[in-house]
C-alpha cells in the first residue's frame, strides 16, 4: 500500500511540474511576442518619421542656396513635428529655422524653410558665441556669462529694440542645454561683423556673446518672418545632446521614457 501511495505522489509531482513548466512557457512566449511587437512598432515609427522627412527634403529646391545636410534636416523636422504635437507652437506655424553649427562660420549655415510651401525663405551667415570657437564652433554652454552658444530647439518670441538694434527674443526648450537662454538674453539680432568682407579680412566672421547674430542688412526682414512662435534649431553633432533631447525622440520612445519616469517616482 505504501508503495502505491508513493507511486501516486510521484506521478502527481511529475505531472504538476510539467503543467507549471507549460504555463511558464506560454507566459514566456507571450512576453516575447509583446517585446517583438514593441520593437516592430518602434522601428515602423522611426521609419515613418525618416520617410516623411526624406520626402519633404527631396521636395525642397536648394538651387541658388547652400544645401542643408539631410541628416540635420531630419533631426530638425522630427523636433518640429514633436513640438507641434506638444503644443509649443501653433498648428499653422510653418517656418523652421535651422543653424548648422558643425559648418564653418564663413558659410551660409542658417536656413529658414517654409515647410508647407517646401521652399527656402532665407539662407544666411550666422555667428556663434566667442566662447564657442573661432571659425568653427567647438564648445557650447547654458551658463550665464559663458559667451557660448547653446544647442537645441527654441521658440521665437516677441521683438524689441535693444543695444544691438532690432532683436528677437528666444525661448530655449531643451532642459540643461538652452533653457537659460531667455534669462541670458540670448536673442537673434543683426551685427556688422557678420558679413563676407569681415570673413575675408579675419579668416572668420565675427562672434557674438552667444546670440545667433545675422547680417545687419537682412536682420529686420528675417526676424519679422520668423517671430512669434516659430521654431529655431541650433545643431551640432554633440552625442550627449542628440541622445537626450526629448524633441528628438519618436512617439514610442517618448512613451517608454515617460513610463520609466513614472515607475521610478
C-alpha atoms as a PDB file:
ATOM      1  CA  UNK A   1       0.000   0.000   0.000  1.00  0.00           C
ATOM      2  CA  UNK A   2       2.833   2.382   0.896  1.00  0.00           C
ATOM      3  CA  UNK A   3       4.447   1.673  -2.469  1.00  0.00           C
ATOM      4  CA  UNK A   4       1.206   2.502  -4.245  1.00  0.00           C
ATOM      5  CA  UNK A   5       0.836   5.794  -2.378  1.00  0.00           C
ATOM      6  CA  UNK A   6       4.459   6.760  -3.094  1.00  0.00           C
ATOM      7  CA  UNK A   7       3.939   5.939  -6.768  1.00  0.00           C
ATOM      8  CA  UNK A   8       0.803   8.087  -6.947  1.00  0.00           C
ATOM      9  CA  UNK A   9       2.565  11.000  -5.237  1.00  0.00           C
ATOM     10  CA  UNK A  10       5.467  10.740  -7.687  1.00  0.00           C
ATOM     11  CA  UNK A  11       3.126  10.750 -10.663  1.00  0.00           C
ATOM     12  CA  UNK A  12       1.306  13.804  -9.267  1.00  0.00           C
ATOM     13  CA  UNK A  13       4.541  15.750  -8.694  1.00  0.00           C
ATOM     14  CA  UNK A  14       5.873  14.995 -12.153  1.00  0.00           C
ATOM     15  CA  UNK A  15       2.596  15.875 -13.897  1.00  0.00           C
ATOM     16  CA  UNK A  16       2.255  19.119 -11.888  1.00  0.00           C
ATOM     17  CA  UNK A  17       5.774  20.124 -12.762  1.00  0.00           C
ATOM     18  CA  UNK A  18       5.004  19.678 -16.446  1.00  0.00           C
ATOM     19  CA  UNK A  19       1.885  21.815 -16.045  1.00  0.00           C
ATOM     20  CA  UNK A  20       3.836  24.622 -14.340  1.00  0.00           C
ATOM     21  CA  UNK A  21       6.548  24.488 -16.959  1.00  0.00           C
ATOM     22  CA  UNK A  22       3.948  24.621 -19.725  1.00  0.00           C
ATOM     23  CA  UNK A  23       2.354  27.650 -18.071  1.00  0.00           C
ATOM     24  CA  UNK A  24       5.723  29.390 -17.744  1.00  0.00           C
ATOM     25  CA  UNK A  25       6.484  28.542 -21.338  1.00  0.00           C
ATOM     26  CA  UNK A  26       3.218  30.090 -22.531  1.00  0.00           C
ATOM     27  CA  UNK A  27       3.876  33.206 -20.425  1.00  0.00           C
ATOM     28  CA  UNK A  28       7.390  33.453 -21.857  1.00  0.00           C
ATOM     29  CA  UNK A  29       6.048  33.170 -25.389  1.00  0.00           C
ATOM     30  CA  UNK A  30       3.527  35.920 -24.636  1.00  0.00           C
ATOM     31  CA  UNK A  31       6.234  38.222 -23.268  1.00  0.00           C
ATOM     32  CA  UNK A  32       8.449  37.580 -26.280  1.00  0.00           C
ATOM     33  CA  UNK A  33       5.580  38.401 -28.626  1.00  0.00           C
ATOM     34  CA  UNK A  34       4.949  41.679 -26.767  1.00  0.00           C
ATOM     35  CA  UNK A  35       8.638  42.642 -26.922  1.00  0.00           C
ATOM     36  CA  UNK A  36       8.774  41.853 -30.629  1.00  0.00           C
ATOM     37  CA  UNK A  37       5.586  43.868 -31.229  1.00  0.00           C
ATOM     38  CA  UNK A  38       7.005  46.915 -29.403  1.00  0.00           C
ATOM     39  CA  UNK A  39      10.297  46.621 -31.306  1.00  0.00           C
ATOM     40  CA  UNK A  40       8.495  46.336 -34.640  1.00  0.00           C
ATOM     41  CA  UNK A  41       6.240  49.291 -33.762  1.00  0.00           C
ATOM     42  CA  UNK A  42       9.243  51.401 -32.731  1.00  0.00           C
ATOM     43  CA  UNK A  43      11.049  50.511 -35.965  1.00  0.00           C
ATOM     44  CA  UNK A  44       7.952  51.329 -38.032  1.00  0.00           C
ATOM     45  CA  UNK A  45       7.529  54.686 -36.256  1.00  0.00           C
ATOM     46  CA  UNK A  46      11.158  55.629 -36.841  1.00  0.00           C
ATOM     47  CA  UNK A  47      10.864  54.549 -40.461  1.00  0.00           C
ATOM     48  CA  UNK A  48       7.743  56.665 -40.935  1.00  0.00           C
ATOM     49  CA  UNK A  49       9.436  59.729 -39.402  1.00  0.00           C
ATOM     50  CA  UNK A  50      12.557  59.293 -41.536  1.00  0.00           C
ATOM     51  CA  UNK A  51      10.489  58.570 -44.647  1.00  0.00           C
ATOM     52  CA  UNK A  52       8.357  61.692 -44.147  1.00  0.00           C
ATOM     53  CA  UNK A  53      11.347  63.996 -43.675  1.00  0.00           C
ATOM     54  CA  UNK A  54      13.139  62.362 -46.621  1.00  0.00           C
ATOM     55  CA  UNK A  55      10.227  63.005 -48.980  1.00  0.00           C
ATOM     56  CA  UNK A  56       9.972  66.597 -47.780  1.00  0.00           C
ATOM     57  CA  UNK A  57      13.728  67.151 -48.060  1.00  0.00           C
ATOM     58  CA  UNK A  58      13.735  65.905 -51.662  1.00  0.00           C
ATOM     59  CA  UNK A  59      10.903  68.310 -52.495  1.00  0.00           C
ATOM     60  CA  UNK A  60      12.823  71.384 -51.285  1.00  0.00           C
ATOM     61  CA  UNK A  61      14.649  73.247 -54.062  1.00  0.00           C
ATOM     62  CA  UNK A  62      18.125  74.259 -52.855  1.00  0.00           C
ATOM     63  CA  UNK A  63      19.094  75.793 -56.200  1.00  0.00           C
ATOM     64  CA  UNK A  64      20.986  79.022 -55.532  1.00  0.00           C
ATOM     65  CA  UNK A  65      21.439  78.201 -51.835  1.00  0.00           C
ATOM     66  CA  UNK A  66      23.919  76.199 -49.804  1.00  0.00           C
ATOM     67  CA  UNK A  67      22.483  72.718 -49.467  1.00  0.00           C
ATOM     68  CA  UNK A  68      21.472  71.743 -45.948  1.00  0.00           C
ATOM     69  CA  UNK A  69      22.565  68.281 -44.788  1.00  0.00           C
ATOM     70  CA  UNK A  70      19.703  65.785 -44.983  1.00  0.00           C
ATOM     71  CA  UNK A  71      20.758  64.318 -41.614  1.00  0.00           C
ATOM     72  CA  UNK A  72      20.472  67.729 -39.963  1.00  0.00           C
ATOM     73  CA  UNK A  73      17.132  68.388 -41.652  1.00  0.00           C
ATOM     74  CA  UNK A  74      15.805  65.010 -40.471  1.00  0.00           C
ATOM     75  CA  UNK A  75      16.557  65.872 -36.843  1.00  0.00           C
ATOM     76  CA  UNK A  76      15.205  69.408 -37.152  1.00  0.00           C
ATOM     77  CA  UNK A  77      11.997  68.157 -38.755  1.00  0.00           C
ATOM     78  CA  UNK A  78      11.477  65.461 -36.105  1.00  0.00           C
ATOM     79  CA  UNK A  79      11.750  68.149 -33.417  1.00  0.00           C
ATOM     80  CA  UNK A  80       9.419  70.417 -35.396  1.00  0.00           C
ATOM     81  CA  UNK A  81       6.766  67.661 -35.511  1.00  0.00           C
ATOM     82  CA  UNK A  82       7.154  66.803 -31.806  1.00  0.00           C
ATOM     83  CA  UNK A  83       6.987  70.453 -30.738  1.00  0.00           C
ATOM     84  CA  UNK A  84       3.791  70.946 -32.712  1.00  0.00           C
ATOM     85  CA  UNK A  85       2.272  67.844 -31.124  1.00  0.00           C
ATOM     86  CA  UNK A  86       3.263  69.177 -27.694  1.00  0.00           C
ATOM     87  CA  UNK A  87       1.522  72.475 -28.426  1.00  0.00           C
ATOM     88  CA  UNK A  88       4.704  74.535 -28.146  1.00  0.00           C
ATOM     89  CA  UNK A  89       3.866  76.338 -31.392  1.00  0.00           C
ATOM     90  CA  UNK A  90       0.539  76.883 -33.191  1.00  0.00           C
ATOM     91  CA  UNK A  91      -0.632  74.358 -35.758  1.00  0.00           C
ATOM     92  CA  UNK A  92      -0.300  76.982 -38.508  1.00  0.00           C
ATOM     93  CA  UNK A  93       3.368  77.620 -37.660  1.00  0.00           C
ATOM     94  CA  UNK A  94       5.122  76.558 -40.867  1.00  0.00           C
ATOM     95  CA  UNK A  95       8.589  78.135 -40.660  1.00  0.00           C
ATOM     96  CA  UNK A  96      11.550  76.087 -39.439  1.00  0.00           C
ATOM     97  CA  UNK A  97      14.875  77.884 -38.915  1.00  0.00           C
ATOM     98  CA  UNK A  98      17.983  75.685 -38.790  1.00  0.00           C
ATOM     99  CA  UNK A  99      21.542  76.688 -37.839  1.00  0.00           C
ATOM    100  CA  UNK A 100      24.122  74.004 -38.612  1.00  0.00           C
ATOM    101  CA  UNK A 101      26.983  74.879 -36.282  1.00  0.00           C
ATOM    102  CA  UNK A 102      29.046  71.911 -37.470  1.00  0.00           C
ATOM    103  CA  UNK A 103      29.941  74.058 -40.505  1.00  0.00           C
ATOM    104  CA  UNK A 104      32.469  76.872 -40.892  1.00  0.00           C
ATOM    105  CA  UNK A 105      31.113  80.238 -39.784  1.00  0.00           C
ATOM    106  CA  UNK A 106      32.243  81.578 -43.173  1.00  0.00           C
ATOM    107  CA  UNK A 107      29.490  79.562 -44.868  1.00  0.00           C
ATOM    108  CA  UNK A 108      25.811  80.393 -45.054  1.00  0.00           C
ATOM    109  CA  UNK A 109      24.792  77.899 -42.386  1.00  0.00           C
ATOM    110  CA  UNK A 110      21.367  79.283 -41.432  1.00  0.00           C
ATOM    111  CA  UNK A 111      18.261  78.263 -43.354  1.00  0.00           C
ATOM    112  CA  UNK A 112      14.675  79.439 -42.911  1.00  0.00           C
ATOM    113  CA  UNK A 113      12.435  76.848 -44.539  1.00  0.00           C
ATOM    114  CA  UNK A 114       8.731  77.138 -45.251  1.00  0.00           C
ATOM    115  CA  UNK A 115       7.654  73.565 -44.513  1.00  0.00           C
ATOM    116  CA  UNK A 116       4.197  73.991 -46.043  1.00  0.00           C
ATOM    117  CA  UNK A 117       5.448  75.521 -49.294  1.00  0.00           C
ATOM    118  CA  UNK A 118       8.633  73.394 -49.311  1.00  0.00           C
ATOM    119  CA  UNK A 119      10.927  76.296 -50.093  1.00  0.00           C
ATOM    120  CA  UNK A 120      13.874  78.254 -48.704  1.00  0.00           C
ATOM    121  CA  UNK A 121      12.990  81.747 -47.441  1.00  0.00           C
ATOM    122  CA  UNK A 122      16.473  82.730 -46.200  1.00  0.00           C
ATOM    123  CA  UNK A 123      19.951  81.222 -46.352  1.00  0.00           C
ATOM    124  CA  UNK A 124      22.398  83.325 -44.397  1.00  0.00           C
ATOM    125  CA  UNK A 125      25.614  83.641 -42.452  1.00  0.00           C
ATOM    126  CA  UNK A 126      25.089  83.341 -38.695  1.00  0.00           C
ATOM    127  CA  UNK A 127      27.519  83.924 -35.824  1.00  0.00           C
ATOM    128  CA  UNK A 128      28.234  81.705 -32.852  1.00  0.00           C
ATOM    129  CA  UNK A 129      29.468  82.851 -29.440  1.00  0.00           C
ATOM    130  CA  UNK A 130      33.056  83.987 -28.935  1.00  0.00           C
ATOM    131  CA  UNK A 131      33.441  81.342 -26.217  1.00  0.00           C
ATOM    132  CA  UNK A 132      32.235  78.655 -28.622  1.00  0.00           C
ATOM    133  CA  UNK A 133      35.162  78.799 -31.039  1.00  0.00           C
ATOM    134  CA  UNK A 134      36.960  80.709 -33.777  1.00  0.00           C
ATOM    135  CA  UNK A 135      35.947  79.860 -37.356  1.00  0.00           C
ATOM    136  CA  UNK A 136      34.383  76.611 -36.176  1.00  0.00           C
ATOM    137  CA  UNK A 137      32.093  76.049 -33.195  1.00  0.00           C
ATOM    138  CA  UNK A 138      33.529  73.668 -30.615  1.00  0.00           C
ATOM    139  CA  UNK A 139      32.077  74.358 -27.150  1.00  0.00           C
ATOM    140  CA  UNK A 140      28.545  75.034 -26.017  1.00  0.00           C
ATOM    141  CA  UNK A 141      27.063  76.139 -22.723  1.00  0.00           C
ATOM    142  CA  UNK A 142      23.838  77.057 -20.966  1.00  0.00           C
ATOM    143  CA  UNK A 143      25.664  79.168 -18.355  1.00  0.00           C
ATOM    144  CA  UNK A 144      25.402  82.896 -17.782  1.00  0.00           C
ATOM    145  CA  UNK A 145      28.493  84.894 -18.907  1.00  0.00           C
ATOM    146  CA  UNK A 146      29.986  81.890 -20.759  1.00  0.00           C
ATOM    147  CA  UNK A 147      29.681  83.791 -24.073  1.00  0.00           C
ATOM    148  CA  UNK A 148      28.951  80.417 -25.631  1.00  0.00           C
ATOM    149  CA  UNK A 149      26.142  79.353 -27.935  1.00  0.00           C
ATOM    150  CA  UNK A 150      23.533  76.887 -26.706  1.00  0.00           C
ATOM    151  CA  UNK A 151      22.351  73.827 -28.620  1.00  0.00           C
ATOM    152  CA  UNK A 152      18.815  72.733 -29.196  1.00  0.00           C
ATOM    153  CA  UNK A 153      15.299  73.813 -30.047  1.00  0.00           C
ATOM    154  CA  UNK A 154      13.888  77.271 -29.387  1.00  0.00           C
ATOM    155  CA  UNK A 155      10.633  79.061 -29.993  1.00  0.00           C
ATOM    156  CA  UNK A 156      10.868  82.555 -31.412  1.00  0.00           C
ATOM    157  CA  UNK A 157       9.118  85.130 -29.236  1.00  0.00           C
ATOM    158  CA  UNK A 158       8.487  88.879 -29.436  1.00  0.00           C
ATOM    159  CA  UNK A 159      10.771  91.599 -30.801  1.00  0.00           C
ATOM    160  CA  UNK A 160      12.277  94.673 -29.155  1.00  0.00           C
ATOM    161  CA  UNK A 161      14.799  97.468 -29.721  1.00  0.00           C
ATOM    162  CA  UNK A 162      17.967  96.839 -27.700  1.00  0.00           C
ATOM    163  CA  UNK A 163      21.691  97.595 -27.653  1.00  0.00           C
ATOM    164  CA  UNK A 164      22.067  95.601 -30.872  1.00  0.00           C
ATOM    165  CA  UNK A 165      19.087  97.214 -32.567  1.00  0.00           C
ATOM    166  CA  UNK A 166      16.029  95.290 -33.668  1.00  0.00           C
ATOM    167  CA  UNK A 167      16.174  91.938 -31.861  1.00  0.00           C
ATOM    168  CA  UNK A 168      14.174  88.749 -31.400  1.00  0.00           C
ATOM    169  CA  UNK A 169      13.757  87.005 -28.043  1.00  0.00           C
ATOM    170  CA  UNK A 170      14.229  83.233 -27.947  1.00  0.00           C
ATOM    171  CA  UNK A 171      12.862  80.649 -25.514  1.00  0.00           C
ATOM    172  CA  UNK A 172      15.069  77.560 -25.081  1.00  0.00           C
ATOM    173  CA  UNK A 173      13.156  74.277 -24.882  1.00  0.00           C
ATOM    174  CA  UNK A 174      15.933  71.773 -24.104  1.00  0.00           C
ATOM    175  CA  UNK A 175      16.416  71.404 -20.347  1.00  0.00           C
ATOM    176  CA  UNK A 176      20.050  71.744 -19.341  1.00  0.00           C
ATOM    177  CA  UNK A 177      21.142  72.767 -22.823  1.00  0.00           C
ATOM    178  CA  UNK A 178      19.400  76.047 -23.691  1.00  0.00           C
ATOM    179  CA  UNK A 179      16.592  76.627 -21.194  1.00  0.00           C
ATOM    180  CA  UNK A 180      18.551  79.529 -19.654  1.00  0.00           C
ATOM    181  CA  UNK A 181      18.626  81.384 -22.989  1.00  0.00           C
ATOM    182  CA  UNK A 182      15.834  83.816 -22.122  1.00  0.00           C
ATOM    183  CA  UNK A 183      17.471  84.702 -18.799  1.00  0.00           C
ATOM    184  CA  UNK A 184      20.870  85.026 -20.526  1.00  0.00           C
ATOM    185  CA  UNK A 185      19.359  87.388 -23.129  1.00  0.00           C
ATOM    186  CA  UNK A 186      20.334  85.056 -25.973  1.00  0.00           C
ATOM    187  CA  UNK A 187      18.493  86.674 -28.878  1.00  0.00           C
ATOM    188  CA  UNK A 188      18.684  86.965 -32.639  1.00  0.00           C
ATOM    189  CA  UNK A 189      19.935  90.342 -33.830  1.00  0.00           C
ATOM    190  CA  UNK A 190      21.830  91.992 -36.652  1.00  0.00           C
ATOM    191  CA  UNK A 191      25.585  92.590 -36.410  1.00  0.00           C
ATOM    192  CA  UNK A 192      28.091  94.472 -38.559  1.00  0.00           C
ATOM    193  CA  UNK A 193      30.666  91.702 -38.040  1.00  0.00           C
ATOM    194  CA  UNK A 194      28.510  89.091 -39.766  1.00  0.00           C
ATOM    195  CA  UNK A 195      29.426  89.570 -43.411  1.00  0.00           C
ATOM    196  CA  UNK A 196      31.711  88.172 -46.087  1.00  0.00           C
ATOM    197  CA  UNK A 197      34.065  91.177 -46.059  1.00  0.00           C
ATOM    198  CA  UNK A 198      34.790  90.635 -42.358  1.00  0.00           C
ATOM    199  CA  UNK A 199      35.426  86.930 -43.050  1.00  0.00           C
ATOM    200  CA  UNK A 200      37.918  87.718 -45.815  1.00  0.00           C
ATOM    201  CA  UNK A 201      39.811  90.113 -43.555  1.00  0.00           C
ATOM    202  CA  UNK A 202      39.819  87.992 -40.377  1.00  0.00           C
ATOM    203  CA  UNK A 203      39.543  84.450 -41.828  1.00  0.00           C
ATOM    204  CA  UNK A 204      36.216  84.115 -40.000  1.00  0.00           C
ATOM    205  CA  UNK A 205      33.116  86.197 -39.362  1.00  0.00           C
ATOM    206  CA  UNK A 206      32.781  87.984 -36.037  1.00  0.00           C
ATOM    207  CA  UNK A 207      31.393  86.312 -32.941  1.00  0.00           C
ATOM    208  CA  UNK A 208      28.661  87.241 -30.508  1.00  0.00           C
ATOM    209  CA  UNK A 209      28.222  86.707 -26.779  1.00  0.00           C
ATOM    210  CA  UNK A 210      26.215  83.598 -27.532  1.00  0.00           C
ATOM    211  CA  UNK A 211      23.498  85.050 -29.769  1.00  0.00           C
ATOM    212  CA  UNK A 212      22.796  83.716 -33.287  1.00  0.00           C
ATOM    213  CA  UNK A 213      23.636  87.077 -34.887  1.00  0.00           C
ATOM    214  CA  UNK A 214      22.874  87.591 -38.584  1.00  0.00           C
ATOM    215  CA  UNK A 215      23.918  90.170 -41.208  1.00  0.00           C
ATOM    216  CA  UNK A 216      22.666  93.646 -40.426  1.00  0.00           C
ATOM    217  CA  UNK A 217      21.122  94.188 -43.868  1.00  0.00           C
ATOM    218  CA  UNK A 218      18.720  91.238 -43.609  1.00  0.00           C
ATOM    219  CA  UNK A 219      18.171  91.144 -39.843  1.00  0.00           C
ATOM    220  CA  UNK A 220      14.869  93.020 -39.757  1.00  0.00           C
ATOM    221  CA  UNK A 221      13.237  91.076 -42.602  1.00  0.00           C
ATOM    222  CA  UNK A 222      14.477  87.720 -41.268  1.00  0.00           C
ATOM    223  CA  UNK A 223      13.321  88.481 -37.720  1.00  0.00           C
ATOM    224  CA  UNK A 224       9.916  89.676 -38.910  1.00  0.00           C
ATOM    225  CA  UNK A 225       9.479  86.474 -40.914  1.00  0.00           C
ATOM    226  CA  UNK A 226      10.151  84.061 -38.036  1.00  0.00           C
ATOM    227  CA  UNK A 227       8.986  85.997 -34.941  1.00  0.00           C
ATOM    228  CA  UNK A 228       6.133  84.997 -32.626  1.00  0.00           C
ATOM    229  CA  UNK A 229       6.107  81.241 -32.153  1.00  0.00           C
ATOM    230  CA  UNK A 230       8.113  79.588 -34.887  1.00  0.00           C
ATOM    231  CA  UNK A 231      10.872  77.045 -34.296  1.00  0.00           C
ATOM    232  CA  UNK A 232      14.632  77.555 -34.351  1.00  0.00           C
ATOM    233  CA  UNK A 233      17.030  74.595 -34.132  1.00  0.00           C
ATOM    234  CA  UNK A 234      20.743  75.048 -33.413  1.00  0.00           C
ATOM    235  CA  UNK A 235      22.516  71.841 -34.416  1.00  0.00           C
ATOM    236  CA  UNK A 236      25.915  70.398 -33.588  1.00  0.00           C
ATOM    237  CA  UNK A 237      26.809  66.660 -33.559  1.00  0.00           C
ATOM    238  CA  UNK A 238      27.053  66.517 -29.768  1.00  0.00           C
ATOM    239  CA  UNK A 239      26.146  62.910 -28.989  1.00  0.00           C
ATOM    240  CA  UNK A 240      25.032  63.645 -25.413  1.00  0.00           C
ATOM    241  CA  UNK A 241      22.581  66.255 -26.616  1.00  0.00           C
ATOM    242  CA  UNK A 242      21.308  64.195 -29.553  1.00  0.00           C
ATOM    243  CA  UNK A 243      20.684  61.185 -27.291  1.00  0.00           C
ATOM    244  CA  UNK A 244      18.952  63.119 -24.520  1.00  0.00           C
ATOM    245  CA  UNK A 245      16.756  65.747 -26.203  1.00  0.00           C
ATOM    246  CA  UNK A 246      13.112  64.811 -25.721  1.00  0.00           C
ATOM    247  CA  UNK A 247      12.278  66.525 -29.005  1.00  0.00           C
ATOM    248  CA  UNK A 248      14.456  64.104 -30.945  1.00  0.00           C
ATOM    249  CA  UNK A 249      12.582  61.035 -29.683  1.00  0.00           C
ATOM    250  CA  UNK A 250       9.935  59.194 -31.682  1.00  0.00           C
ATOM    251  CA  UNK A 251       6.480  58.963 -30.028  1.00  0.00           C
ATOM    252  CA  UNK A 252       7.181  55.339 -28.984  1.00  0.00           C
ATOM    253  CA  UNK A 253      10.466  56.331 -27.347  1.00  0.00           C
ATOM    254  CA  UNK A 254       8.786  59.224 -25.539  1.00  0.00           C
ATOM    255  CA  UNK A 255       6.138  56.851 -24.162  1.00  0.00           C
ATOM    256  CA  UNK A 256       8.814  54.449 -22.966  1.00  0.00           C
ATOM    257  CA  UNK A 257      10.712  57.279 -21.236  1.00  0.00           C
ATOM    258  CA  UNK A 258       7.523  58.503 -19.532  1.00  0.00           C
ATOM    259  CA  UNK A 259       6.699  55.002 -18.262  1.00  0.00           C
ATOM    260  CA  UNK A 260      10.219  54.654 -16.903  1.00  0.00           C
ATOM    261  CA  UNK A 261       9.987  58.046 -15.191  1.00  0.00           C
ATOM    262  CA  UNK A 262       6.668  57.172 -13.539  1.00  0.00           C
ATOM    263  CA  UNK A 263       7.989  53.781 -12.422  1.00  0.00           C
ATOM    264  CA  UNK A 264      10.961  55.449 -10.703  1.00  0.00           C
ATOM    265  CA  UNK A 265       8.847  58.046  -8.872  1.00  0.00           C
END
